[in-house]
Amino acid sequence: MKKLGFIGAGHMAEALLKGLITSGLYRKDQIIVSDIDPKRLQLISSGYGVNITTNNKEILKQADMIILAVKPDVIEDVLKEIKGSLNSSKILISIAAGITTSLISKTIKKKVKLVRAMPNTPALVQMGATALHFNSLLNRKEKELIKEIFESVGTVDLVDNEKLLDAVTGLSGSGPAFVAMFIDALSDGGVKMGLTKHMALRLAAQTVYGTAKLVLEGGLHPAEFKDRVSSPGGTTIEGIHQLELYGFRGSVISAVESAALRSRELARGEYR
């Protein structure tokens, strides 16, 4: 098993650590993590028992696969720092939104095995959705191992056309925030009609969770499911009418589009 290194110890890195260790895919002594924040590193060390360092170059010395779990606006600086330690045997996995493999290659000025991954925050509870894109230098065994890494925190889809990762970013990358807003709004509707916030939030969250499970496991298209629960002249169709009046579907589609376009801007270095 290749030793795994993380540059960056944020929430997504922690989610992956938890999944990898819980699933048994990696032992604690097979993982090393770096970050500029010593307090964050100590939290990760005490919580998961992995090796830690504040030196990014140390990650390259010890690890065969390196997950770049840093923000898009700092990834170029990190790449410039570590490029001297890179060689053809290393595998770089970037989870930075909008940062293309061509931009990474241009920065490091070397041919290395590159993977772009777009996980999302439900990985924190091993219910994430990740899309992966591999460059041509990885072999089948390496691809399978990387797929296993991300499957430890949820589902994985493979994307051959790297440009589609912007759409993935807009949908599943940003989507959890949109869904959280819907859950909050749904619960507020319950509060308006007399429920306590605690009860309304629990009901709203469970409703979204259960509906998602039905769509994934029940084999029904969401539109078909919607029609099944909409009785003629009933309560549900009345509510759907109100959502349509206020442009619910159009707003969601536009939100995904805007987030995807922002991902493209990040690829051009427009961090604003």
Protein backbone atom coordinates (compact mmCIF):
# COMPACT_ATOMS: atom_id res chain seq x y z
CA MET A 1 0.00 0.00 0.00
CA LYS A 2 1.38 3.40 -0.99
CA LYS A 3 1.92 5.81 1.91
CA LEU A 4 -0.47 8.73 1.74
CA GLY A 5 0.25 12.38 2.49
CA PHE A 6 -2.07 15.34 2.91
CA ILE A 7 -0.98 18.92 2.34
CA GLY A 8 -3.69 20.82 4.15
CA ALA A 9 -5.64 19.64 7.20
CA GLY A 10 -9.02 21.27 6.64
CA HIS A 11 -12.47 19.72 6.90
CA MET A 12 -12.27 17.81 3.62
CA ALA A 13 -8.88 16.35 4.53
CA GLU A 14 -10.31 15.33 7.89
CA ALA A 15 -13.31 13.71 6.20
CA LEU A 16 -11.02 11.63 4.02
CA LEU A 17 -8.82 10.70 6.98
CA LYS A 18 -11.84 9.51 8.92
CA GLY A 19 -13.12 7.46 6.00
CA LEU A 20 -9.77 5.88 5.23
CA ILE A 21 -9.07 4.88 8.82
CA THR A 22 -12.63 3.77 9.61
CA SER A 23 -12.81 1.62 6.47
CA GLY A 24 -9.45 0.01 7.26
CA LEU A 25 -8.07 0.95 3.84
CA TYR A 26 -5.16 2.75 5.53
CA ARG A 27 -3.53 2.41 8.92
CA LYS A 28 -2.71 5.52 10.94
CA ASP A 29 1.02 4.99 10.48
CA GLN A 30 0.58 5.04 6.69
CA ILE A 31 -0.69 8.64 6.66
CA ILE A 32 1.14 11.92 7.19
CA VAL A 33 -0.48 15.36 7.24
CA SER A 34 0.96 18.87 6.96
CA ASP A 35 -0.61 22.27 7.62
CA ILE A 36 0.51 25.81 8.43
CA ASP A 37 -1.65 25.81 11.57
CA PRO A 38 0.01 23.86 14.43
CA LYS A 39 -3.22 23.85 16.46
CA ARG A 40 -5.12 22.26 13.59
CA LEU A 41 -2.39 19.65 13.21
CA GLN A 42 -2.51 18.77 16.90
CA LEU A 43 -6.28 18.37 16.63
CA ILE A 44 -5.84 16.00 13.69
CA SER A 45 -3.06 14.09 15.46
CA SER A 46 -5.01 13.63 18.69
CA GLY A 47 -8.21 12.73 16.83
CA TYR A 48 -6.81 10.26 14.31
CA GLY A 49 -3.30 9.32 15.46
CA VAL A 50 -1.66 10.10 12.13
CA ASN A 51 1.81 11.56 11.63
CA ILE A 52 1.98 15.35 11.33
CA THR A 53 4.44 17.99 10.13
CA THR A 54 4.48 21.68 9.32
CA ASN A 55 6.95 21.03 6.48
CA ASN A 56 5.26 20.32 3.13
CA LYS A 57 8.49 18.95 1.67
CA GLU A 58 8.50 16.28 4.38
CA ILE A 59 5.25 15.00 2.90
CA LEU A 60 7.03 14.42 -0.42
CA LYS A 61 9.85 12.55 1.32
CA GLN A 62 7.54 10.13 3.10
CA ALA A 63 4.47 9.75 0.88
CA ASP A 64 3.94 8.12 -2.51
CA MET A 65 0.55 9.76 -3.03
CA ILE A 66 -0.09 13.36 -2.05
CA ILE A 67 -3.53 14.90 -1.67
CA LEU A 68 -3.44 18.66 -2.16
CA ALA A 69 -6.21 19.71 0.21
CA VAL A 70 -5.62 23.47 0.03
CA LYS A 71 -7.66 26.39 -1.27
CA PRO A 72 -7.42 27.37 -4.96
CA ASP A 73 -5.81 30.72 -4.16
CA VAL A 74 -2.78 29.11 -2.47
CA ILE A 75 -2.28 25.97 -4.51
CA GLU A 76 0.20 27.57 -6.93
CA ASP A 77 2.41 28.67 -4.03
CA VAL A 78 2.29 25.16 -2.58
CA LEU A 79 3.14 23.60 -5.94
CA LYS A 80 6.13 25.91 -6.39
CA GLU A 81 7.32 24.96 -2.92
CA ILE A 82 7.19 21.20 -3.50
CA LYS A 83 7.97 20.87 -7.22
CA GLY A 84 11.67 20.27 -6.60
CA SER A 85 10.79 17.15 -4.60
CA LEU A 86 8.43 15.71 -7.21
CA ASN A 87 9.36 12.80 -9.45
CA SER A 88 7.61 10.44 -11.84
CA SER A 89 6.84 7.91 -9.11
CA LYS A 90 4.70 10.34 -7.10
CA ILE A 91 0.95 10.76 -7.57
CA LEU A 92 -0.58 14.20 -7.01
CA ILE A 93 -4.28 14.39 -6.20
CA SER A 94 -5.79 17.88 -6.15
CA ILE A 95 -9.17 18.63 -4.56
CA ALA A 96 -8.93 22.38 -5.22
CA ALA A 97 -11.99 23.63 -7.08
CA GLY A 98 -11.33 24.93 -10.58
CA ILE A 99 -7.61 24.12 -10.67
CA THR A 100 -6.92 22.17 -13.86
CA THR A 101 -4.29 19.51 -14.44
CA SER A 102 -2.79 21.72 -17.16
CA LEU A 103 -2.35 24.56 -14.66
CA ILE A 104 -0.70 22.17 -12.19
CA SER A 105 1.62 20.80 -14.90
CA LYS A 106 2.50 24.32 -16.04
CA THR A 107 3.40 25.30 -12.47
CA ILE A 108 5.53 22.27 -11.59
CA LYS A 109 7.06 22.01 -15.10
CA LYS A 110 7.25 18.21 -14.82
CA LYS A 111 5.38 15.21 -16.11
CA VAL A 112 3.79 13.59 -13.07
CA LYS A 113 0.79 11.42 -12.37
CA LEU A 114 -2.09 13.83 -11.75
CA VAL A 115 -5.61 13.35 -10.45
CA ARG A 116 -8.32 15.95 -10.04
CA ALA A 117 -10.91 15.05 -7.44
CA MET A 118 -14.10 16.94 -6.63
CA PRO A 119 -15.45 15.58 -3.35
CA ASN A 120 -18.15 17.29 -1.32
CA THR A 121 -18.75 18.01 2.36
CA PRO A 122 -21.10 15.06 3.11
CA ALA A 123 -17.86 13.08 2.99
CA LEU A 124 -17.64 14.16 6.65
CA VAL A 125 -20.32 11.53 7.40
CA GLN A 126 -19.13 9.06 4.73
CA MET A 127 -22.01 10.09 2.44
CA GLY A 128 -20.03 12.15 -0.04
CA ALA A 129 -20.14 12.27 -3.83
CA THR A 130 -16.80 12.51 -5.64
CA ALA A 131 -15.88 12.85 -9.31
CA LEU A 132 -12.38 11.85 -10.44
CA HIS A 133 -10.33 12.72 -13.52
CA PHE A 134 -6.98 10.98 -14.20
CA ASN A 135 -4.25 12.11 -16.55
CA SER A 136 -2.78 9.56 -18.95
CA LEU A 137 0.21 8.60 -16.78
CA LEU A 138 -1.63 6.55 -14.15
CA ASN A 139 -1.96 2.80 -14.56
CA ARG A 140 -5.06 0.73 -13.87
CA LYS A 141 -3.94 -0.40 -10.40
CA GLU A 142 -3.22 3.18 -9.32
CA LYS A 143 -6.62 4.35 -10.58
CA GLU A 144 -8.36 1.58 -8.64
CA LEU A 145 -6.55 2.51 -5.43
CA ILE A 146 -7.47 6.20 -5.76
CA LYS A 147 -11.06 5.22 -6.47
CA GLU A 148 -11.05 3.13 -3.28
CA ILE A 149 -9.72 6.10 -1.28
CA PHE A 150 -12.67 8.27 -2.24
CA GLU A 151 -15.18 5.42 -2.02
CA SER A 152 -14.27 5.24 1.67
CA VAL A 153 -16.28 8.48 2.10
CA GLY A 154 -19.11 7.91 -0.39
CA THR A 155 -19.78 7.34 -4.08
CA VAL A 156 -17.35 7.92 -6.96
CA ASP A 157 -17.94 8.83 -10.59
CA LEU A 158 -15.17 8.91 -13.22
CA VAL A 159 -14.98 11.86 -15.61
CA ASP A 160 -13.03 11.46 -18.85
CA ASN A 161 -13.52 15.06 -20.01
CA GLU A 162 -11.84 17.27 -17.42
CA LYS A 163 -13.93 20.29 -18.46
CA LEU A 164 -16.99 18.59 -16.96
CA LEU A 165 -15.48 18.92 -13.48
CA ASP A 166 -16.68 22.54 -13.46
CA ALA A 167 -20.24 21.22 -13.79
CA VAL A 168 -19.53 18.69 -11.01
CA THR A 169 -18.24 21.53 -8.82
CA GLY A 170 -21.41 23.53 -9.41
CA LEU A 171 -23.70 20.57 -8.75
CA SER A 172 -22.30 18.25 -6.08
CA GLY A 173 -19.47 20.50 -4.85
CA SER A 174 -21.67 23.52 -4.12
CA GLY A 175 -24.92 21.54 -3.94
CA PRO A 176 -24.77 20.68 -0.22
CA ALA A 177 -25.02 24.40 0.59
CA PHE A 178 -28.08 24.71 -1.66
CA VAL A 179 -29.68 21.66 -0.04
CA ALA A 180 -28.90 23.03 3.44
CA MET A 181 -30.67 26.25 2.49
CA PHE A 182 -33.68 24.24 1.33
CA ILE A 183 -33.77 22.25 4.58
CA ASP A 184 -33.60 25.49 6.57
CA ALA A 185 -36.37 27.06 4.48
CA LEU A 186 -38.50 23.92 4.72
CA SER A 187 -38.15 23.90 8.49
CA ASP A 188 -38.99 27.61 8.67
CA GLY A 189 -42.19 26.81 6.81
CA GLY A 190 -43.01 24.35 9.57
CA VAL A 191 -42.22 26.99 12.21
CA LYS A 192 -44.51 29.46 10.47
CA MET A 193 -47.31 26.92 10.74
CA GLY A 194 -46.74 26.30 14.46
CA LEU A 195 -44.03 23.66 14.85
CA THR A 196 -41.03 24.16 17.10
CA LYS A 197 -37.78 24.84 15.24
CA HIS A 198 -36.23 21.68 16.68
CA MET A 199 -39.05 19.45 15.46
CA ALA A 200 -39.36 21.24 12.12
CA LEU A 201 -35.63 20.93 11.40
CA ARG A 202 -35.59 17.24 12.26
CA LEU A 203 -38.61 16.59 10.05
CA ALA A 204 -37.16 18.64 7.18
CA ALA A 205 -33.74 16.98 7.29
CA GLN A 206 -35.21 13.47 7.52
CA THR A 207 -37.57 14.25 4.65
CA VAL A 208 -34.69 15.29 2.40
CA TYR A 209 -32.59 12.31 3.49
CA GLY A 210 -35.41 9.83 2.93
CA THR A 211 -36.36 11.29 -0.43
CA ALA A 212 -32.75 11.16 -1.64
CA LYS A 213 -32.55 7.52 -0.55
CA LEU A 214 -35.75 6.71 -2.46
CA VAL A 215 -34.40 8.34 -5.62
CA LEU A 216 -31.07 6.51 -5.35
CA GLU A 217 -32.40 3.12 -4.33
CA GLY A 218 -36.00 3.10 -5.56
CA GLY A 219 -35.23 3.52 -9.24
CA LEU A 220 -37.75 6.34 -9.69
CA HIS A 221 -36.99 9.51 -11.60
CA PRO A 222 -37.57 12.52 -9.29
CA ALA A 223 -40.31 13.84 -11.58
CA GLU A 224 -42.11 10.49 -11.43
CA PHE A 225 -41.78 10.43 -7.65
CA LYS A 226 -43.19 13.98 -7.47
CA ASP A 227 -46.20 12.95 -9.57
CA ARG A 228 -46.87 9.91 -7.35
CA VAL A 229 -47.24 12.02 -4.22
CA SER A 230 -49.27 14.79 -5.87
CA SER A 231 -52.94 13.89 -5.44
CA PRO A 232 -55.46 15.76 -7.61
CA GLY A 233 -56.50 18.91 -5.78
CA GLY A 234 -54.35 17.95 -2.80
CA THR A 235 -51.87 19.66 -0.52
CA THR A 236 -48.69 18.71 -2.38
CA ILE A 237 -49.73 20.02 -5.80
CA GLU A 238 -50.79 23.27 -4.13
CA GLY A 239 -47.31 23.65 -2.65
CA ILE A 240 -45.66 22.72 -5.97
CA HIS A 241 -47.70 25.44 -7.67
CA GLN A 242 -46.29 28.01 -5.25
CA LEU A 243 -42.72 26.81 -5.84
CA GLU A 244 -43.20 27.11 -9.59
CA LEU A 245 -44.69 30.60 -9.25
CA TYR A 246 -41.51 31.76 -7.51
CA GLY A 247 -39.17 30.10 -10.00
CA PHE A 248 -37.87 27.34 -7.74
CA ARG A 249 -36.53 25.03 -10.46
CA GLY A 250 -35.08 27.88 -12.51
CA SER A 251 -33.34 29.31 -9.45
CA VAL A 252 -31.71 25.98 -8.62
CA ILE A 253 -30.55 25.47 -12.21
CA SER A 254 -29.11 29.00 -12.25
CA ALA A 255 -27.35 28.40 -8.93
CA VAL A 256 -25.57 25.31 -10.31
CA GLU A 257 -24.69 27.19 -13.50
CA SER A 258 -23.28 30.17 -11.58
CA ALA A 259 -21.18 27.94 -9.31
CA ALA A 260 -19.84 26.03 -12.34
CA LEU A 261 -18.91 29.27 -14.12
CA ARG A 262 -17.16 30.47 -10.97
CA SER A 263 -15.12 27.24 -11.03
CA ARG A 264 -13.94 28.18 -14.53
CA GLU A 265 -12.94 31.62 -13.26
CA LEU A 266 -10.81 30.02 -10.56
CA ALA A 267 -8.97 28.09 -13.27
CA ARG A 268 -8.04 31.44 -14.78
CA GLY A 269 -6.68 32.68 -11.47
CA GLU A 270 -9.60 35.01 -10.78
CA TYR A 271 -9.69 34.56 -7.00
CA ARG A 272 -10.99 38.11 -6.26
